[in-house]
C-alpha atoms as a PDB file:
ATOM      1  CA  MET A   1       0.326   0.073   0.242  1.00  0.00           C
ATOM      2  CA  HIS A   2       1.265   3.458  -1.165  1.00  0.00           C
ATOM      3  CA  THR A   3       1.262   5.714   1.874  1.00  0.00           C
ATOM      4  CA  THR A   4       1.969   9.727   0.641  1.00  0.00           C
ATOM      5  CA  ASN A   5       4.407  11.288   3.526  1.00  0.00           C
ATOM      6  CA  PRO A   6       2.971  14.688   5.314  1.00  0.00           C
ATOM      7  CA  LYS A   7       5.722  16.757   4.433  1.00  0.00           C
ATOM      8  CA  ASP A   8       5.196  15.270   0.619  1.00  0.00           C
ATOM      9  CA  LYS A   9       1.363  16.542   1.352  1.00  0.00           C
ATOM     10  CA  ASP A  10       2.573  19.742   2.908  1.00  0.00           C
ATOM     11  CA  ASP A  11       5.100  20.750  -0.042  1.00  0.00           C
ATOM     12  CA  ALA A  12       2.058  19.829  -2.899  1.00  0.00           C
ATOM     13  CA  LEU A  13      -0.129  22.988  -1.038  1.00  0.00           C
ATOM     14  CA  ARG A  14       2.309  25.436  -0.888  1.00  0.00           C
ATOM     15  CA  GLU A  15       3.045  24.346  -4.744  1.00  0.00           C
ATOM     16  CA  LEU A  16      -0.815  24.557  -4.877  1.00  0.00           C
ATOM     17  CA  ASN A  17      -0.607  27.781  -3.902  1.00  0.00           C
ATOM     18  CA  GLU A  18       1.892  29.250  -5.270  1.00  0.00           C
ATOM     19  CA  LEU A  19      -0.040  28.214  -8.366  1.00  0.00           C
ATOM     20  CA  GLY A  20      -3.327  29.265  -7.794  1.00  0.00           C
ATOM     21  CA  THR A  21      -5.762  28.736 -10.301  1.00  0.00           C
ATOM     22  CA  ASP A  22      -2.758  28.271 -12.820  1.00  0.00           C
ATOM     23  CA  ALA A  23      -3.395  24.640 -11.720  1.00  0.00           C
ATOM     24  CA  VAL A  24      -6.755  24.094 -12.554  1.00  0.00           C
ATOM     25  CA  PRO A  25      -6.515  22.670 -16.684  1.00  0.00           C
ATOM     26  CA  SER A  26      -4.121  20.375 -15.629  1.00  0.00           C
ATOM     27  CA  LEU A  27      -6.628  19.316 -12.765  1.00  0.00           C
ATOM     28  CA  VAL A  28      -9.415  19.279 -14.514  1.00  0.00           C
ATOM     29  CA  MET A  29      -7.882  17.204 -16.557  1.00  0.00           C
ATOM     30  CA  HIS A  30      -6.789  14.704 -13.754  1.00  0.00           C
ATOM     31  CA  LEU A  31     -10.182  14.227 -12.425  1.00  0.00           C
ATOM     32  CA  GLY A  32     -10.502  12.018 -15.238  1.00  0.00           C
ATOM     33  CA  ALA A  33      -7.242   9.454 -14.340  1.00  0.00           C
ATOM     34  CA  LYS A  34      -6.912   5.983 -14.890  1.00  0.00           C
ATOM     35  CA  ARG A  35      -5.591   5.876 -11.237  1.00  0.00           C
ATOM     36  CA  PHE A  36      -7.766   6.300  -8.664  1.00  0.00           C
ATOM     37  CA  GLU A  37      -5.153   8.169  -6.471  1.00  0.00           C
ATOM     38  CA  ASP A  38      -5.010  10.981  -9.137  1.00  0.00           C
ATOM     39  CA  ARG A  39      -8.337  11.474  -8.905  1.00  0.00           C
ATOM     40  CA  GLU A  40      -8.395  11.956  -5.781  1.00  0.00           C
ATOM     41  CA  ASN A  41      -5.741  14.458  -5.564  1.00  0.00           C
ATOM     42  CA  ALA A  42      -7.020  16.506  -8.385  1.00  0.00           C
ATOM     43  CA  GLN A  43     -10.288  17.048  -6.726  1.00  0.00           C
ATOM     44  CA  ARG A  44      -8.344  18.093  -3.121  1.00  0.00           C
ATOM     45  CA  ALA A  45      -6.487  19.832  -4.608  1.00  0.00           C
ATOM     46  CA  ILE A  46      -9.176  22.203  -6.401  1.00  0.00           C
ATOM     47  CA  ALA A  47     -11.532  22.036  -3.455  1.00  0.00           C
ATOM     48  CA  VAL A  48      -9.037  23.671  -1.579  1.00  0.00           C
ATOM     49  CA  LEU A  49      -8.832  26.324  -4.550  1.00  0.00           C
ATOM     50  CA  GLY A  50     -12.272  26.901  -3.269  1.00  0.00           C
ATOM     51  CA  PRO A  51     -13.920  29.487  -5.255  1.00  0.00           C
ATOM     52  CA  ASP A  52     -10.808  30.801  -6.823  1.00  0.00           C
ATOM     53  CA  ALA A  53     -11.347  27.724  -9.297  1.00  0.00           C
ATOM     54  CA  LEU A  54     -15.307  28.368 -10.362  1.00  0.00           C
ATOM     55  CA  SER A  55     -14.556  29.777 -13.416  1.00  0.00           C
ATOM     56  CA  GLU A  56     -11.934  27.451 -15.111  1.00  0.00           C
ATOM     57  CA  LEU A  57     -14.128  24.684 -13.581  1.00  0.00           C
ATOM     58  CA  ALA A  58     -16.701  25.785 -15.985  1.00  0.00           C
ATOM     59  CA  SER A  59     -14.511  26.607 -18.795  1.00  0.00           C
ATOM     60  CA  HIS A  60     -13.035  22.745 -19.103  1.00  0.00           C
ATOM     61  CA  ARG A  61     -16.767  20.605 -18.464  1.00  0.00           C
ATOM     62  CA  ASP A  62     -17.104  19.915 -21.820  1.00  0.00           C
ATOM     63  CA  ASP A  63     -13.827  18.320 -22.499  1.00  0.00           C
ATOM     64  CA  LEU A  64     -13.820  15.926 -19.702  1.00  0.00           C
ATOM     65  CA  ASN A  65     -15.304  11.682 -19.441  1.00  0.00           C
ATOM     66  CA  ALA A  66     -18.341  10.807 -17.138  1.00  0.00           C
ATOM     67  CA  GLU A  67     -16.556  10.059 -14.043  1.00  0.00           C
ATOM     68  CA  ALA A  68     -14.338  13.511 -14.790  1.00  0.00           C
ATOM     69  CA  ARG A  69     -17.953  15.292 -15.273  1.00  0.00           C
ATOM     70  CA  ARG A  70     -19.048  13.898 -11.911  1.00  0.00           C
ATOM     71  CA  ARG A  71     -16.285  14.983  -9.636  1.00  0.00           C
ATOM     72  CA  LEU A  72     -16.396  18.014 -11.568  1.00  0.00           C
ATOM     73  CA  ASP A  73     -19.597  18.980 -10.815  1.00  0.00           C
ATOM     74  CA  GLN A  74     -19.305  17.517  -7.120  1.00  0.00           C
ATOM     75  CA  LEU A  75     -16.426  20.184  -6.401  1.00  0.00           C
ATOM     76  CA  ILE A  76     -18.778  22.847  -7.563  1.00  0.00           C
ATOM     77  CA  ASP A  77     -21.427  21.481  -5.320  1.00  0.00           C
ATOM     78  CA  GLN A  78     -19.468  22.122  -2.499  1.00  0.00           C
ATOM     79  CA  ILE A  79     -17.843  25.103  -3.439  1.00  0.00           C
ATOM     80  CA  VAL A  80     -21.215  26.798  -4.337  1.00  0.00           C
ATOM     81  CA  ALA A  81     -23.485  24.907  -1.626  1.00  0.00           C
ATOM     82  CA  PRO A  82     -22.239  27.167   0.889  1.00  0.00           C
ATOM     83  CA  LYS A  83     -22.197  30.446  -0.775  1.00  0.00           C
ATOM     84  CA  SER A  84     -24.284  33.497  -1.924  1.00  0.00           C
ATOM     85  CA  PRO A  85     -26.009  33.395  -4.876  1.00  0.00           C
ATOM     86  CA  SER A  86     -23.582  36.052  -6.446  1.00  0.00           C
ATOM     87  CA  ILE A  87     -21.025  33.370  -6.771  1.00  0.00           C
ATOM     88  CA  LEU A  88     -23.456  31.050  -8.575  1.00  0.00           C
ATOM     89  CA  LYS A  89     -23.959  34.450 -11.135  1.00  0.00           C
ATOM     90  CA  GLN A  90     -20.321  33.694 -11.724  1.00  0.00           C
ATOM     91  CA  LEU A  91     -20.574  30.449 -12.372  1.00  0.00           C
ATOM     92  CA  GLN A  92     -23.801  30.880 -15.180  1.00  0.00           C
ATOM     93  CA  ALA A  93     -21.630  33.770 -16.048  1.00  0.00           C
ATOM     94  CA  ALA A  94     -18.829  31.695 -17.119  1.00  0.00           C
ATOM     95  CA  ASP A  95     -20.222  28.918 -18.696  1.00  0.00           C
ATOM     96  CA  ALA A  96     -22.324  31.040 -21.481  1.00  0.00           C
ATOM     97  CA  VAL A  97     -18.803  32.240 -22.769  1.00  0.00           C
ATOM     98  CA  SER A  98     -17.545  28.718 -22.814  1.00  0.00           C
END
């Protein structure tokens, strides 16, 4: 069984914070990766970015396989649900542009 070193997780989070939303397209593509661990890691990383990732998420939805779309929809629900209606408007606007 593969275990992840906590230091590796800290390094990954630090790198993610430095990249910010620039990392989203790559992470979105990993939502449909063959390896379960890769899909899970991408989903967690996008969740960390939260609302900042919403417009990027919407713009990539049509390019994904069914598994990746399901995960993407879960992320959007997770990010949007506790937020105000203005976040929903941002997401709808971004989706209309793509």
